Amino acid sequence: ELGDFADEDLALLDKCADYYALSHIHDFNL
């Protein structure tokens, strides 16, 4: 759940989502 993450982790996830949006990457592959 998103509530399980700490604020710092959520900030990193936000940055990651921004980078995905800017680079138009929609399929995440581990």
PDB file of all heavy atoms in Angstrom:
ATOM      1  N   GLU A   1       0.869  -1.182   0.000  1.00  0.00           N
ATOM      2  CA  GLU A   1       0.000   0.000   0.000  1.00  0.00           C
ATOM      3  C   GLU A   1       0.904   1.229   0.000  1.00  0.00           C
ATOM      4  O   GLU A   1       1.996   1.216   0.586  1.00  0.00           O
ATOM      5  CB  GLU A   1      -0.880   0.019   1.253  1.00  0.00           C
ATOM      6  CG  GLU A   1      -1.913  -1.087   1.313  1.00  0.00           C
ATOM      7  CD  GLU A   1      -3.030  -0.895   0.289  1.00  0.00           C
ATOM      8  OE1 GLU A   1      -3.366   0.257  -0.020  1.00  0.00           O
ATOM      9  OE2 GLU A   1      -3.542  -1.919  -0.202  1.00  0.00           O
ATOM     10  N   LEU A   2       0.468   2.277  -0.664  1.00  0.00           N
ATOM     11  CA  LEU A   2       1.284   3.492  -0.702  1.00  0.00           C
ATOM     12  C   LEU A   2       1.467   4.087   0.689  1.00  0.00           C
ATOM     13  O   LEU A   2       2.456   4.755   0.952  1.00  0.00           O
ATOM     14  CB  LEU A   2       0.653   4.526  -1.640  1.00  0.00           C
ATOM     15  CG  LEU A   2       0.756   4.191  -3.122  1.00  0.00           C
ATOM     16  CD1 LEU A   2       0.053   5.267  -3.947  1.00  0.00           C
ATOM     17  CD2 LEU A   2       2.183   4.054  -3.563  1.00  0.00           C
ATOM     18  N   GLY A   3       0.557   3.829   1.593  1.00  0.00           N
ATOM     19  CA  GLY A   3       0.695   4.331   2.963  1.00  0.00           C
ATOM     20  C   GLY A   3       1.792   3.628   3.734  1.00  0.00           C
ATOM     21  O   GLY A   3       2.217   4.098   4.788  1.00  0.00           O
ATOM     22  N   ASP A   4       2.261   2.485   3.240  1.00  0.00           N
ATOM     23  CA  ASP A   4       3.315   1.739   3.921  1.00  0.00           C
ATOM     24  C   ASP A   4       4.689   2.384   3.731  1.00  0.00           C
ATOM     25  O   ASP A   4       5.624   2.090   4.470  1.00  0.00           O
ATOM     26  CB  ASP A   4       3.387   0.297   3.394  1.00  0.00           C
ATOM     27  CG  ASP A   4       2.139  -0.500   3.743  1.00  0.00           C
ATOM     28  OD1 ASP A   4       1.395  -0.050   4.631  1.00  0.00           O
ATOM     29  OD2 ASP A   4       1.930  -1.572   3.126  1.00  0.00           O
ATOM     30  N   PHE A   5       4.828   3.259   2.744  1.00  0.00           N
ATOM     31  CA  PHE A   5       6.130   3.852   2.435  1.00  0.00           C
ATOM     32  C   PHE A   5       6.385   5.084   3.293  1.00  0.00           C
ATOM     33  O   PHE A   5       5.457   5.810   3.652  1.00  0.00           O
ATOM     34  CB  PHE A   5       6.203   4.255   0.959  1.00  0.00           C
ATOM     35  CG  PHE A   5       6.225   3.085   0.019  1.00  0.00           C
ATOM     36  CD1 PHE A   5       5.149   2.814  -0.822  1.00  0.00           C
ATOM     37  CD2 PHE A   5       7.320   2.248  -0.030  1.00  0.00           C
ATOM     38  CE1 PHE A   5       5.169   1.746  -1.687  1.00  0.00           C
ATOM     39  CE2 PHE A   5       7.349   1.170  -0.906  1.00  0.00           C
ATOM     40  CZ  PHE A   5       6.274   0.917  -1.729  1.00  0.00           C
ATOM     41  N   ALA A   6       7.655   5.337   3.596  1.00  0.00           N
ATOM     42  CA  ALA A   6       8.051   6.559   4.314  1.00  0.00           C
ATOM     43  C   ALA A   6       7.994   7.728   3.340  1.00  0.00           C
ATOM     44  O   ALA A   6       7.922   7.544   2.114  1.00  0.00           O
ATOM     45  CB  ALA A   6       9.463   6.398   4.869  1.00  0.00           C
ATOM     46  N   ASP A   7       8.004   8.933   3.893  1.00  0.00           N
ATOM     47  CA  ASP A   7       7.919  10.131   3.058  1.00  0.00           C
ATOM     48  C   ASP A   7       9.073  10.208   2.056  1.00  0.00           C
ATOM     49  O   ASP A   7       8.888  10.608   0.909  1.00  0.00           O
ATOM     50  CB  ASP A   7       7.910  11.391   3.933  1.00  0.00           C
ATOM     51  CG  ASP A   7       6.601  11.520   4.717  1.00  0.00           C
ATOM     52  OD1 ASP A   7       5.593  10.921   4.269  1.00  0.00           O
ATOM     53  OD2 ASP A   7       6.603  12.221   5.745  1.00  0.00           O
ATOM     54  N   GLU A   8      10.286   9.812   2.500  1.00  0.00           N
ATOM     55  CA  GLU A   8      11.454   9.860   1.604  1.00  0.00           C
ATOM     56  C   GLU A   8      11.271   8.884   0.450  1.00  0.00           C
ATOM     57  O   GLU A   8      11.611   9.186  -0.703  1.00  0.00           O
ATOM     58  CB  GLU A   8      12.727   9.525   2.383  1.00  0.00           C
ATOM     59  CG  GLU A   8      13.038  10.530   3.479  1.00  0.00           C
ATOM     60  CD  GLU A   8      13.745   9.860   4.659  1.00  0.00           C
ATOM     61  OE1 GLU A   8      13.940   8.637   4.643  1.00  0.00           O
ATOM     62  OE2 GLU A   8      14.088  10.592   5.588  1.00  0.00           O
ATOM     63  N   ASP A   9      10.715   7.707   0.777  1.00  0.00           N
ATOM     64  CA  ASP A   9      10.497   6.707  -0.277  1.00  0.00           C
ATOM     65  C   ASP A   9       9.438   7.185  -1.268  1.00  0.00           C
ATOM     66  O   ASP A   9       9.565   6.971  -2.478  1.00  0.00           O
ATOM     67  CB  ASP A   9      10.075   5.368   0.333  1.00  0.00           C
ATOM     68  CG  ASP A   9      11.169   4.768   1.199  1.00  0.00           C
ATOM     69  OD1 ASP A   9      12.354   5.084   0.944  1.00  0.00           O
ATOM     70  OD2 ASP A   9      10.845   3.995   2.120  1.00  0.00           O
ATOM     71  N   LEU A  10       8.391   7.817  -0.735  1.00  0.00           N
ATOM     72  CA  LEU A  10       7.358   8.348  -1.628  1.00  0.00           C
ATOM     73  C   LEU A  10       7.909   9.446  -2.529  1.00  0.00           C
ATOM     74  O   LEU A  10       7.542   9.542  -3.705  1.00  0.00           O
ATOM     75  CB  LEU A  10       6.181   8.878  -0.805  1.00  0.00           C
ATOM     76  CG  LEU A  10       5.288   7.803  -0.167  1.00  0.00           C
ATOM     77  CD1 LEU A  10       4.235   8.449   0.711  1.00  0.00           C
ATOM     78  CD2 LEU A  10       4.641   6.936  -1.216  1.00  0.00           C
ATOM     79  N   ALA A  11       8.818  10.266  -1.968  1.00  0.00           N
ATOM     80  CA  ALA A  11       9.449  11.308  -2.786  1.00  0.00           C
ATOM     81  C   ALA A  11      10.260  10.674  -3.916  1.00  0.00           C
ATOM     82  O   ALA A  11      10.229  11.144  -5.066  1.00  0.00           O
ATOM     83  CB  ALA A  11      10.325  12.200  -1.927  1.00  0.00           C
ATOM     84  N   LEU A  12      10.965   9.598  -3.593  1.00  0.00           N
ATOM     85  CA  LEU A  12      11.734   8.894  -4.635  1.00  0.00           C
ATOM     86  C   LEU A  12      10.806   8.280  -5.667  1.00  0.00           C
ATOM     87  O   LEU A  12      11.103   8.299  -6.867  1.00  0.00           O
ATOM     88  CB  LEU A  12      12.612   7.813  -4.003  1.00  0.00           C
ATOM     89  CG  LEU A  12      13.838   8.299  -3.243  1.00  0.00           C
ATOM     90  CD1 LEU A  12      14.538   7.125  -2.558  1.00  0.00           C
ATOM     91  CD2 LEU A  12      14.803   9.007  -4.172  1.00  0.00           C
ATOM     92  N   LEU A  13       9.684   7.723  -5.213  1.00  0.00           N
ATOM     93  CA  LEU A  13       8.725   7.163  -6.164  1.00  0.00           C
ATOM     94  C   LEU A  13       8.153   8.252  -7.065  1.00  0.00           C
ATOM     95  O   LEU A  13       7.945   8.034  -8.267  1.00  0.00           O
ATOM     96  CB  LEU A  13       7.600   6.446  -5.415  1.00  0.00           C
ATOM     97  CG  LEU A  13       7.949   5.064  -4.869  1.00  0.00           C
ATOM     98  CD1 LEU A  13       6.803   4.525  -4.019  1.00  0.00           C
ATOM     99  CD2 LEU A  13       8.267   4.096  -5.979  1.00  0.00           C
ATOM    100  N   ASP A  14       7.892   9.439  -6.481  1.00  0.00           N
ATOM    101  CA  ASP A  14       7.404  10.564  -7.290  1.00  0.00           C
ATOM    102  C   ASP A  14       8.422  10.944  -8.360  1.00  0.00           C
ATOM    103  O   ASP A  14       8.074  11.169  -9.521  1.00  0.00           O
ATOM    104  CB  ASP A  14       7.102  11.777  -6.404  1.00  0.00           C
ATOM    105  CG  ASP A  14       5.798  11.624  -5.639  1.00  0.00           C
ATOM    106  OD1 ASP A  14       4.974  10.781  -6.055  1.00  0.00           O
ATOM    107  OD2 ASP A  14       5.613  12.353  -4.642  1.00  0.00           O
ATOM    108  N   LYS A  15       9.702  11.016  -7.943  1.00  0.00           N
ATOM    109  CA  LYS A  15      10.761  11.339  -8.909  1.00  0.00           C
ATOM    110  C   LYS A  15      10.817  10.288 -10.010  1.00  0.00           C
ATOM    111  O   LYS A  15      10.949  10.606 -11.189  1.00  0.00           O
ATOM    112  CB  LYS A  15      12.129  11.414  -8.216  1.00  0.00           C
ATOM    113  CG  LYS A  15      12.432  12.720  -7.595  1.00  0.00           C
ATOM    114  CD  LYS A  15      13.880  12.693  -7.119  1.00  0.00           C
ATOM    115  CE  LYS A  15      14.268  14.019  -6.521  1.00  0.00           C
ATOM    116  NZ  LYS A  15      15.634  14.008  -6.042  1.00  0.00           N
ATOM    117  N   CYS A  16      10.716   9.018  -9.580  1.00  0.00           N
ATOM    118  CA  CYS A  16      10.765   7.917 -10.545  1.00  0.00           C
ATOM    119  C   CYS A  16       9.607   8.034 -11.533  1.00  0.00           C
ATOM    120  O   CYS A  16       9.784   7.867 -12.741  1.00  0.00           O
ATOM    121  CB  CYS A  16      10.724   6.594  -9.797  1.00  0.00           C
ATOM    122  SG  CYS A  16      10.936   5.167 -10.850  1.00  0.00           S
ATOM    123  N   ALA A  17       8.402   8.331 -11.018  1.00  0.00           N
ATOM    124  CA  ALA A  17       7.242   8.489 -11.894  1.00  0.00           C
ATOM    125  C   ALA A  17       7.423   9.666 -12.842  1.00  0.00           C
ATOM    126  O   ALA A  17       7.062   9.582 -14.021  1.00  0.00           O
ATOM    127  CB  ALA A  17       5.980   8.679 -11.046  1.00  0.00           C
ATOM    128  N   ASP A  18       8.017  10.750 -12.332  1.00  0.00           N
ATOM    129  CA  ASP A  18       8.288  11.899 -13.199  1.00  0.00           C
ATOM    130  C   ASP A  18       9.254  11.524 -14.317  1.00  0.00           C
ATOM    131  O   ASP A  18       9.058  11.901 -15.476  1.00  0.00           O
ATOM    132  CB  ASP A  18       8.853  13.068 -12.387  1.00  0.00           C
ATOM    133  CG  ASP A  18       7.821  13.696 -11.464  1.00  0.00           C
ATOM    134  OD1 ASP A  18       6.613  13.493 -11.702  1.00  0.00           O
ATOM    135  OD2 ASP A  18       8.245  14.390 -10.506  1.00  0.00           O
ATOM    136  N   TYR A  19      10.274  10.774 -13.971  1.00  0.00           N
ATOM    137  CA  TYR A  19      11.250  10.367 -14.985  1.00  0.00           C
ATOM    138  C   TYR A  19      10.594   9.451 -16.024  1.00  0.00           C
ATOM    139  O   TYR A  19      10.873   9.555 -17.215  1.00  0.00           O
ATOM    140  CB  TYR A  19      12.452   9.673 -14.350  1.00  0.00           C
ATOM    141  CG  TYR A  19      13.334  10.596 -13.542  1.00  0.00           C
ATOM    142  CD1 TYR A  19      13.947  10.149 -12.378  1.00  0.00           C
ATOM    143  CD2 TYR A  19      13.554  11.911 -13.930  1.00  0.00           C
ATOM    144  CE1 TYR A  19      14.755  10.989 -11.633  1.00  0.00           C
ATOM    145  CE2 TYR A  19      14.365  12.755 -13.182  1.00  0.00           C
ATOM    146  CZ  TYR A  19      14.955  12.290 -12.038  1.00  0.00           C
ATOM    147  OH  TYR A  19      15.750  13.121 -11.308  1.00  0.00           O
ATOM    148  N   TYR A  20       9.730   8.548 -15.536  1.00  0.00           N
ATOM    149  CA  TYR A  20       9.017   7.680 -16.470  1.00  0.00           C
ATOM    150  C   TYR A  20       8.152   8.506 -17.403  1.00  0.00           C
ATOM    151  O   TYR A  20       8.094   8.255 -18.606  1.00  0.00           O
ATOM    152  CB  TYR A  20       8.142   6.674 -15.731  1.00  0.00           C
ATOM    153  CG  TYR A  20       8.890   5.495 -15.172  1.00  0.00           C
ATOM    154  CD1 TYR A  20       8.615   5.010 -13.899  1.00  0.00           C
ATOM    155  CD2 TYR A  20       9.864   4.848 -15.916  1.00  0.00           C
ATOM    156  CE1 TYR A  20       9.296   3.927 -13.389  1.00  0.00           C
ATOM    157  CE2 TYR A  20      10.548   3.766 -15.413  1.00  0.00           C
ATOM    158  CZ  TYR A  20      10.262   3.303 -14.146  1.00  0.00           C
ATOM    159  OH  TYR A  20      10.929   2.227 -13.658  1.00  0.00           O
ATOM    160  N   ALA A  21       7.468   9.511 -16.845  1.00  0.00           N
ATOM    161  CA  ALA A  21       6.582  10.338 -17.663  1.00  0.00           C
ATOM    162  C   ALA A  21       7.384  11.148 -18.678  1.00  0.00           C
ATOM    163  O   ALA A  21       6.985  11.272 -19.841  1.00  0.00           O
ATOM    164  CB  ALA A  21       5.755  11.270 -16.772  1.00  0.00           C
ATOM    165  N   LEU A  22       8.515  11.685 -18.235  1.00  0.00           N
ATOM    166  CA  LEU A  22       9.334  12.496 -19.146  1.00  0.00           C
ATOM    167  C   LEU A  22       9.965  11.645 -20.248  1.00  0.00           C
ATOM    168  O   LEU A  22      10.138  12.106 -21.370  1.00  0.00           O
ATOM    169  CB  LEU A  22      10.426  13.235 -18.365  1.00  0.00           C
ATOM    170  CG  LEU A  22       9.932  14.356 -17.445  1.00  0.00           C
ATOM    171  CD1 LEU A  22      11.091  14.887 -16.609  1.00  0.00           C
ATOM    172  CD2 LEU A  22       9.307  15.480 -18.252  1.00  0.00           C
ATOM    173  N   SER A  23      10.326  10.426 -19.896  1.00  0.00           N
ATOM    174  CA  SER A  23      10.995   9.578 -20.894  1.00  0.00           C
ATOM    175  C   SER A  23      10.010   8.681 -21.628  1.00  0.00           C
ATOM    176  O   SER A  23      10.421   7.888 -22.467  1.00  0.00           O
ATOM    177  CB  SER A  23      12.084   8.743 -20.222  1.00  0.00           C
ATOM    178  OG  SER A  23      11.496   7.907 -19.255  1.00  0.00           O
ATOM    179  N   HIS A  24       8.748   8.797 -21.300  1.00  0.00           N
ATOM    180  CA  HIS A  24       7.692   8.016 -21.940  1.00  0.00           C
ATOM    181  C   HIS A  24       7.894   6.514 -21.791  1.00  0.00           C
ATOM    182  O   HIS A  24       7.640   5.739 -22.701  1.00  0.00           O
ATOM    183  CB  HIS A  24       7.546   8.378 -23.426  1.00  0.00           C
ATOM    184  CG  HIS A  24       7.237   9.823 -23.629  1.00  0.00           C
ATOM    185  ND1 HIS A  24       6.035  10.394 -23.284  1.00  0.00           N
ATOM    186  CD2 HIS A  24       8.001  10.845 -24.110  1.00  0.00           C
ATOM    187  CE1 HIS A  24       6.055  11.685 -23.558  1.00  0.00           C
ATOM    188  NE2 HIS A  24       7.238  11.996 -24.058  1.00  0.00           N
ATOM    189  N   ILE A  25       8.412   6.117 -20.631  1.00  0.00           N
ATOM    190  CA  ILE A  25       8.573   4.695 -20.328  1.00  0.00           C
ATOM    191  C   ILE A  25       7.338   4.273 -19.541  1.00  0.00           C
ATOM    192  O   ILE A  25       7.046   4.792 -18.475  1.00  0.00           O
ATOM    193  CB  ILE A  25       9.843   4.440 -19.476  1.00  0.00           C
ATOM    194  CG1 ILE A  25      11.086   4.839 -20.252  1.00  0.00           C
ATOM    195  CG2 ILE A  25       9.894   2.988 -19.043  1.00  0.00           C
ATOM    196  CD1 ILE A  25      12.352   4.734 -19.460  1.00  0.00           C
ATOM    197  N   HIS A  26       6.607   3.326 -20.066  1.00  0.00           N
ATOM    198  CA  HIS A  26       5.387   2.897 -19.383  1.00  0.00           C
ATOM    199  C   HIS A  26       5.451   1.427 -18.994  1.00  0.00           C
ATOM    200  O   HIS A  26       4.636   0.970 -18.215  1.00  0.00           O
ATOM    201  CB  HIS A  26       4.159   3.135 -20.276  1.00  0.00           C
ATOM    202  CG  HIS A  26       4.006   4.575 -20.639  1.00  0.00           C
ATOM    203  ND1 HIS A  26       3.768   5.554 -19.716  1.00  0.00           N
ATOM    204  CD2 HIS A  26       4.089   5.209 -21.830  1.00  0.00           C
ATOM    205  CE1 HIS A  26       3.700   6.731 -20.309  1.00  0.00           C
ATOM    206  NE2 HIS A  26       3.897   6.547 -21.609  1.00  0.00           N
ATOM    207  N   ASP A  27       6.405   0.710 -19.546  1.00  0.00           N
ATOM    208  CA  ASP A  27       6.517  -0.701 -19.218  1.00  0.00           C
ATOM    209  C   ASP A  27       7.778  -0.877 -18.377  1.00  0.00           C
ATOM    210  O   ASP A  27       8.900  -0.739 -18.868  1.00  0.00           O
ATOM    211  CB  ASP A  27       6.608  -1.529 -20.502  1.00  0.00           C
ATOM    212  CG  ASP A  27       6.568  -3.011 -20.214  1.00  0.00           C
ATOM    213  OD1 ASP A  27       6.064  -3.377 -19.139  1.00  0.00           O
ATOM    214  OD2 ASP A  27       7.030  -3.785 -21.073  1.00  0.00           O
ATOM    215  N   PHE A  28       7.604  -1.177 -17.115  1.00  0.00           N
ATOM    216  CA  PHE A  28       8.736  -1.315 -16.194  1.00  0.00           C
ATOM    217  C   PHE A  28       9.186  -2.765 -16.184  1.00  0.00           C
ATOM    218  O   PHE A  28       8.387  -3.668 -15.931  1.00  0.00           O
ATOM    219  CB  PHE A  28       8.299  -0.872 -14.789  1.00  0.00           C
ATOM    220  CG  PHE A  28       9.399  -0.949 -13.786  1.00  0.00           C
ATOM    221  CD1 PHE A  28      10.464  -0.075 -13.858  1.00  0.00           C
ATOM    222  CD2 PHE A  28       9.379  -1.896 -12.772  1.00  0.00           C
ATOM    223  CE1 PHE A  28      11.472  -0.134 -12.930  1.00  0.00           C
ATOM    224  CE2 PHE A  28      10.385  -1.957 -11.864  1.00  0.00           C
ATOM    225  CZ  PHE A  28      11.435  -1.076 -11.927  1.00  0.00           C
ATOM    226  N   ASN A  29      10.480  -2.985 -16.445  1.00  0.00           N
ATOM    227  CA  ASN A  29      11.027  -4.323 -16.480  1.00  0.00           C
ATOM    228  C   ASN A  29      12.147  -4.410 -15.445  1.00  0.00           C
ATOM    229  O   ASN A  29      13.093  -3.626 -15.488  1.00  0.00           O
ATOM    230  CB  ASN A  29      11.558  -4.624 -17.884  1.00  0.00           C
ATOM    231  CG  ASN A  29      11.927  -6.076 -18.064  1.00  0.00           C
ATOM    232  OD1 ASN A  29      12.041  -6.814 -17.093  1.00  0.00           O
ATOM    233  ND2 ASN A  29      12.100  -6.479 -19.307  1.00  0.00           N
ATOM    234  N   LEU A  30      12.055  -5.344 -14.532  1.00  0.00           N
ATOM    235  CA  LEU A  30      13.064  -5.468 -13.466  1.00  0.00           C
ATOM    236  C   LEU A  30      14.430  -5.877 -14.013  1.00  0.00           C
ATOM    237  O   LEU A  30      15.441  -5.581 -13.399  1.00  0.00           O
ATOM    238  CB  LEU A  30      12.603  -6.482 -12.419  1.00  0.00           C
ATOM    239  CG  LEU A  30      11.533  -5.989 -11.455  1.00  0.00           C
ATOM    240  CD1 LEU A  30      11.168  -7.102 -10.480  1.00  0.00           C
ATOM    241  CD2 LEU A  30      12.018  -4.779 -10.704  1.00  0.00           C
TER     242      LEU A  30
END
